[in-house]
Amino acid sequence: MKGPIGFVKAMHGIYTTAKNELGYNARIFLRMLHEHDGLGTAKRLINAPQVSEGYTYLYEHKRLDLTVEALVVENEKWHALFEPSEIERARKRLEAYRYTPKRRN
C-alpha cells in the first residue's frame, strides 16, 4: 500500500459507503485501488480530463460527497498529498456539478 494508510482506508471507505448505502458496486474504482493504490487512484481520477462513470453515477444519486474529489477537498489532512493545482481541479469539478464542499478534519 503506497501513501498514508489513513488515506487508503478513506478511499476504501467511500467505496464501501457507496456500496452499502446506494447498492453501487464500483468495480472499476476497486480495481484501480488494487492496481494503483489509494493515492495513485485519487491522482488519476482528479487529473482525468473527464469525470468517471462512477462520478456521474454519484452525481445522479445526489452523493457527490462519496467522490474522490470531495474526499480530498473536504479533508485538509489530505491536502499535503496533492499539488495545489490538483486540489483546485477537484474543487472546480465539484463546483461545476453544484456541490459545495464541507470542511472535515
N, C-alpha and C. Protein backbone atom coordinates (compact mmCIF):
# COMPACT_ATOMS: atom_id res chain seq x y z
N MET A 1 0.84 -1.18 0.00
CA MET A 1 0.00 0.00 0.00
C MET A 1 0.88 1.24 0.00
N LYS A 2 0.73 2.03 -1.01
CA LYS A 2 1.50 3.26 -1.11
C LYS A 2 0.65 4.42 -0.61
N GLY A 3 1.29 5.39 0.00
CA GLY A 3 0.57 6.53 0.56
C GLY A 3 0.17 6.25 1.99
N PRO A 4 -0.26 7.26 2.69
CA PRO A 4 -0.65 7.09 4.09
C PRO A 4 -1.78 6.07 4.23
N ILE A 5 -1.65 5.21 5.21
CA ILE A 5 -2.66 4.17 5.43
C ILE A 5 -4.04 4.79 5.67
N GLY A 6 -4.08 5.90 6.39
CA GLY A 6 -5.36 6.56 6.64
C GLY A 6 -6.06 6.97 5.36
N PHE A 7 -5.28 7.46 4.39
CA PHE A 7 -5.88 7.88 3.12
C PHE A 7 -6.38 6.66 2.35
N VAL A 8 -5.60 5.61 2.34
CA VAL A 8 -6.02 4.38 1.65
C VAL A 8 -7.32 3.86 2.28
N LYS A 9 -7.40 3.88 3.59
CA LYS A 9 -8.63 3.44 4.27
C LYS A 9 -9.81 4.34 3.91
N ALA A 10 -9.56 5.65 3.82
CA ALA A 10 -10.62 6.58 3.46
C ALA A 10 -11.12 6.30 2.04
N MET A 11 -10.21 5.98 1.14
CA MET A 11 -10.59 5.66 -0.24
C MET A 11 -11.45 4.39 -0.26
N HIS A 12 -11.05 3.38 0.49
CA HIS A 12 -11.86 2.16 0.58
C HIS A 12 -13.20 2.47 1.24
N GLY A 13 -13.18 3.42 2.16
CA GLY A 13 -14.40 3.80 2.87
C GLY A 13 -15.46 4.39 1.96
N ILE A 14 -15.05 5.23 1.00
CA ILE A 14 -16.07 5.79 0.10
C ILE A 14 -16.64 4.71 -0.81
N TYR A 15 -15.80 3.73 -1.18
CA TYR A 15 -16.30 2.59 -1.96
C TYR A 15 -17.34 1.81 -1.15
N THR A 16 -17.00 1.50 0.09
CA THR A 16 -17.89 0.71 0.95
C THR A 16 -19.19 1.45 1.23
N THR A 17 -19.11 2.74 1.49
CA THR A 17 -20.32 3.52 1.75
C THR A 17 -21.23 3.55 0.53
N ALA A 18 -20.66 3.75 -0.64
CA ALA A 18 -21.47 3.76 -1.87
C ALA A 18 -22.14 2.40 -2.09
N LYS A 19 -21.43 1.35 -1.79
CA LYS A 19 -22.00 0.01 -1.95
C LYS A 19 -23.11 -0.24 -0.93
N ASN A 20 -22.87 0.11 0.32
CA ASN A 20 -23.85 -0.14 1.38
C ASN A 20 -25.07 0.77 1.30
N GLU A 21 -24.86 2.05 1.00
CA GLU A 21 -25.97 2.99 1.03
C GLU A 21 -26.70 3.14 -0.30
N LEU A 22 -25.99 2.90 -1.41
CA LEU A 22 -26.62 3.07 -2.72
C LEU A 22 -26.76 1.76 -3.50
N GLY A 23 -26.12 0.71 -3.00
CA GLY A 23 -26.10 -0.54 -3.74
C GLY A 23 -25.21 -0.45 -4.97
N TYR A 24 -24.28 0.52 -4.97
CA TYR A 24 -23.41 0.76 -6.11
C TYR A 24 -22.09 0.01 -5.93
N ASN A 25 -21.85 -0.95 -6.79
CA ASN A 25 -20.62 -1.73 -6.74
C ASN A 25 -19.65 -1.15 -7.77
N ALA A 26 -18.80 -0.26 -7.32
CA ALA A 26 -17.85 0.44 -8.19
C ALA A 26 -16.64 -0.45 -8.46
N ARG A 27 -16.83 -1.45 -9.29
CA ARG A 27 -15.77 -2.44 -9.56
C ARG A 27 -14.52 -1.81 -10.19
N ILE A 28 -14.72 -0.87 -11.09
CA ILE A 28 -13.56 -0.23 -11.73
C ILE A 28 -12.74 0.54 -10.70
N PHE A 29 -13.43 1.26 -9.82
CA PHE A 29 -12.75 2.01 -8.76
C PHE A 29 -11.98 1.05 -7.85
N LEU A 30 -12.61 -0.04 -7.46
CA LEU A 30 -11.95 -1.01 -6.60
C LEU A 30 -10.72 -1.61 -7.28
N ARG A 31 -10.84 -1.91 -8.57
CA ARG A 31 -9.71 -2.45 -9.32
C ARG A 31 -8.57 -1.42 -9.37
N MET A 32 -8.94 -0.15 -9.56
CA MET A 32 -7.92 0.90 -9.57
C MET A 32 -7.20 0.98 -8.23
N LEU A 33 -7.95 0.85 -7.14
CA LEU A 33 -7.33 0.88 -5.81
C LEU A 33 -6.31 -0.25 -5.66
N HIS A 34 -6.63 -1.41 -6.19
CA HIS A 34 -5.70 -2.55 -6.09
C HIS A 34 -4.50 -2.38 -7.01
N GLU A 35 -4.71 -1.78 -8.17
CA GLU A 35 -3.63 -1.62 -9.14
C GLU A 35 -2.74 -0.41 -8.87
N HIS A 36 -3.33 0.69 -8.39
CA HIS A 36 -2.59 1.95 -8.30
C HIS A 36 -2.50 2.51 -6.88
N ASP A 37 -3.03 1.81 -5.90
CA ASP A 37 -3.09 2.24 -4.51
C ASP A 37 -4.03 3.44 -4.37
N GLY A 38 -4.28 3.86 -3.15
CA GLY A 38 -5.23 4.94 -2.91
C GLY A 38 -4.80 6.27 -3.49
N LEU A 39 -3.56 6.64 -3.26
CA LEU A 39 -3.07 7.93 -3.73
C LEU A 39 -2.99 7.96 -5.26
N GLY A 40 -2.47 6.90 -5.85
CA GLY A 40 -2.38 6.84 -7.31
C GLY A 40 -3.75 6.91 -7.97
N THR A 41 -4.72 6.22 -7.39
CA THR A 41 -6.08 6.24 -7.92
C THR A 41 -6.66 7.64 -7.83
N ALA A 42 -6.50 8.29 -6.68
CA ALA A 42 -7.04 9.63 -6.50
C ALA A 42 -6.44 10.60 -7.52
N LYS A 43 -5.13 10.54 -7.69
CA LYS A 43 -4.48 11.44 -8.63
C LYS A 43 -4.94 11.17 -10.07
N ARG A 44 -5.09 9.92 -10.43
CA ARG A 44 -5.57 9.60 -11.78
C ARG A 44 -6.97 10.15 -12.02
N LEU A 45 -7.85 9.97 -11.05
CA LEU A 45 -9.23 10.43 -11.22
C LEU A 45 -9.32 11.95 -11.22
N ILE A 46 -8.61 12.59 -10.32
CA ILE A 46 -8.65 14.06 -10.25
C ILE A 46 -8.07 14.69 -11.50
N ASN A 47 -7.01 14.10 -12.03
CA ASN A 47 -6.33 14.68 -13.20
C ASN A 47 -6.92 14.24 -14.53
N ALA A 48 -7.90 13.36 -14.51
CA ALA A 48 -8.54 12.92 -15.75
C ALA A 48 -9.28 14.09 -16.39
N PRO A 49 -9.26 14.18 -17.71
CA PRO A 49 -9.93 15.30 -18.37
C PRO A 49 -11.46 15.26 -18.24
N GLN A 50 -12.01 14.09 -18.06
CA GLN A 50 -13.46 13.91 -17.92
C GLN A 50 -13.76 13.21 -16.60
N VAL A 51 -14.97 13.41 -16.11
CA VAL A 51 -15.36 12.68 -14.90
C VAL A 51 -15.57 11.22 -15.26
N SER A 52 -15.41 10.36 -14.26
CA SER A 52 -15.59 8.93 -14.46
C SER A 52 -17.07 8.57 -14.47
N GLU A 53 -17.37 7.35 -14.89
CA GLU A 53 -18.75 6.86 -14.84
C GLU A 53 -19.24 6.83 -13.40
N GLY A 54 -18.33 6.50 -12.48
CA GLY A 54 -18.69 6.47 -11.07
C GLY A 54 -19.06 7.84 -10.56
N TYR A 55 -18.33 8.86 -10.97
CA TYR A 55 -18.64 10.24 -10.57
C TYR A 55 -20.04 10.60 -11.07
N THR A 56 -20.31 10.26 -12.32
CA THR A 56 -21.63 10.54 -12.90
C THR A 56 -22.72 9.82 -12.14
N TYR A 57 -22.49 8.57 -11.79
CA TYR A 57 -23.48 7.81 -11.03
C TYR A 57 -23.75 8.48 -9.68
N LEU A 58 -22.69 8.86 -9.00
CA LEU A 58 -22.86 9.51 -7.70
C LEU A 58 -23.55 10.86 -7.83
N TYR A 59 -23.27 11.59 -8.90
CA TYR A 59 -23.96 12.85 -9.15
C TYR A 59 -25.46 12.61 -9.34
N GLU A 60 -25.79 11.62 -10.16
CA GLU A 60 -27.20 11.31 -10.44
C GLU A 60 -27.96 10.88 -9.19
N HIS A 61 -27.23 10.34 -8.22
CA HIS A 61 -27.85 9.89 -6.96
C HIS A 61 -27.62 10.88 -5.82
N LYS A 62 -27.20 12.10 -6.19
CA LYS A 62 -27.01 13.18 -5.21
C LYS A 62 -26.06 12.80 -4.07
N ARG A 63 -24.96 12.12 -4.44
CA ARG A 63 -23.99 11.68 -3.44
C ARG A 63 -22.56 12.04 -3.85
N LEU A 64 -22.36 13.25 -4.32
CA LEU A 64 -21.00 13.67 -4.66
C LEU A 64 -20.09 13.70 -3.44
N ASP A 65 -20.67 13.62 -2.25
CA ASP A 65 -19.86 13.52 -1.03
C ASP A 65 -19.03 12.24 -1.01
N LEU A 66 -19.40 11.27 -1.86
CA LEU A 66 -18.66 10.00 -1.92
C LEU A 66 -17.64 9.95 -3.06
N THR A 67 -17.37 11.10 -3.67
CA THR A 67 -16.37 11.13 -4.73
C THR A 67 -14.97 11.35 -4.15
N VAL A 68 -13.99 10.97 -4.92
CA VAL A 68 -12.59 11.22 -4.54
C VAL A 68 -12.37 12.72 -4.39
N GLU A 69 -12.96 13.48 -5.29
CA GLU A 69 -12.79 14.93 -5.25
C GLU A 69 -13.26 15.50 -3.91
N ALA A 70 -14.42 15.07 -3.45
CA ALA A 70 -14.93 15.54 -2.16
C ALA A 70 -14.05 15.07 -1.01
N LEU A 71 -13.61 13.83 -1.07
CA LEU A 71 -12.74 13.30 -0.02
C LEU A 71 -11.50 14.17 0.13
N VAL A 72 -10.90 14.54 -0.98
CA VAL A 72 -9.66 15.33 -0.95
C VAL A 72 -9.93 16.78 -0.56
N VAL A 73 -10.91 17.40 -1.17
CA VAL A 73 -11.17 18.82 -0.92
C VAL A 73 -11.65 19.06 0.51
N GLU A 74 -12.50 18.19 0.99
CA GLU A 74 -13.14 18.40 2.29
C GLU A 74 -12.26 18.07 3.49
N ASN A 75 -11.21 17.34 3.28
CA ASN A 75 -10.36 16.91 4.39
C ASN A 75 -8.97 17.51 4.26
N GLU A 76 -8.73 18.58 4.98
CA GLU A 76 -7.45 19.28 4.88
C GLU A 76 -6.26 18.38 5.22
N LYS A 77 -6.48 17.36 6.01
CA LYS A 77 -5.36 16.48 6.37
C LYS A 77 -4.78 15.77 5.15
N TRP A 78 -5.55 15.69 4.05
CA TRP A 78 -5.04 15.04 2.84
C TRP A 78 -4.39 16.02 1.88
N HIS A 79 -4.52 17.31 2.11
CA HIS A 79 -4.03 18.31 1.16
C HIS A 79 -2.53 18.19 0.91
N ALA A 80 -1.76 17.81 1.91
CA ALA A 80 -0.30 17.70 1.73
C ALA A 80 0.08 16.61 0.72
N LEU A 81 -0.83 15.70 0.42
CA LEU A 81 -0.56 14.61 -0.52
C LEU A 81 -0.70 15.04 -1.98
N PHE A 82 -1.29 16.22 -2.19
CA PHE A 82 -1.64 16.66 -3.54
C PHE A 82 -1.02 18.01 -3.86
N GLU A 83 -0.82 18.24 -5.13
CA GLU A 83 -0.38 19.55 -5.60
C GLU A 83 -1.54 20.53 -5.43
N PRO A 84 -1.25 21.79 -5.17
CA PRO A 84 -2.34 22.77 -5.07
C PRO A 84 -3.23 22.78 -6.31
N SER A 85 -2.63 22.56 -7.47
CA SER A 85 -3.43 22.54 -8.71
C SER A 85 -4.40 21.35 -8.73
N GLU A 86 -4.03 20.24 -8.12
CA GLU A 86 -4.92 19.08 -8.07
C GLU A 86 -6.11 19.35 -7.14
N ILE A 87 -5.83 19.98 -6.02
CA ILE A 87 -6.90 20.31 -5.09
C ILE A 87 -7.87 21.30 -5.75
N GLU A 88 -7.31 22.27 -6.44
CA GLU A 88 -8.15 23.26 -7.13
C GLU A 88 -8.96 22.61 -8.25
N ARG A 89 -8.35 21.69 -8.99
CA ARG A 89 -9.07 20.97 -10.06
C ARG A 89 -10.23 20.18 -9.46
N ALA A 90 -10.00 19.53 -8.35
CA ALA A 90 -11.06 18.76 -7.69
C ALA A 90 -12.17 19.69 -7.20
N ARG A 91 -11.79 20.83 -6.64
CA ARG A 91 -12.77 21.81 -6.14
C ARG A 91 -13.62 22.34 -7.30
N LYS A 92 -12.98 22.69 -8.39
CA LYS A 92 -13.71 23.22 -9.55
C LYS A 92 -14.66 22.18 -10.14
N ARG A 93 -14.24 20.94 -10.15
CA ARG A 93 -15.11 19.88 -10.68
C ARG A 93 -16.36 19.76 -9.81
N LEU A 94 -16.18 19.78 -8.51
CA LEU A 94 -17.33 19.71 -7.60
C LEU A 94 -18.25 20.91 -7.81
N GLU A 95 -17.66 22.09 -7.92
CA GLU A 95 -18.46 23.30 -8.11
C GLU A 95 -19.21 23.27 -9.44
N ALA A 96 -18.58 22.70 -10.47
CA ALA A 96 -19.23 22.60 -11.78
C ALA A 96 -20.49 21.74 -11.71
N TYR A 97 -20.51 20.83 -10.75
CA TYR A 97 -21.68 19.95 -10.56
C TYR A 97 -22.54 20.42 -9.39
N ARG A 98 -22.34 21.68 -9.02
CA ARG A 98 -23.12 22.36 -7.97
C ARG A 98 -23.06 21.67 -6.60
N TYR A 99 -21.88 21.19 -6.28
CA TYR A 99 -21.67 20.60 -4.96
C TYR A 99 -20.79 21.55 -4.15
N THR A 100 -21.25 21.91 -2.99
CA THR A 100 -20.47 22.78 -2.10
C THR A 100 -19.73 21.91 -1.09
N PRO A 101 -18.41 21.89 -1.18
CA PRO A 101 -17.63 21.07 -0.23
C PRO A 101 -17.83 21.52 1.21
N LYS A 102 -17.82 20.54 2.10
CA LYS A 102 -17.92 20.79 3.53
C LYS A 102 -16.54 20.58 4.13
N ARG A 103 -16.23 21.31 5.15
CA ARG A 103 -14.92 21.15 5.81
C ARG A 103 -14.98 20.01 6.81
N ARG A 104 -14.05 19.10 6.69
CA ARG A 104 -13.91 17.99 7.64
C ARG A 104 -12.46 17.86 7.99
N ASN A 105 -12.19 17.36 9.16
CA ASN A 105 -10.80 17.12 9.58
C ASN A 105 -10.61 15.72 10.07
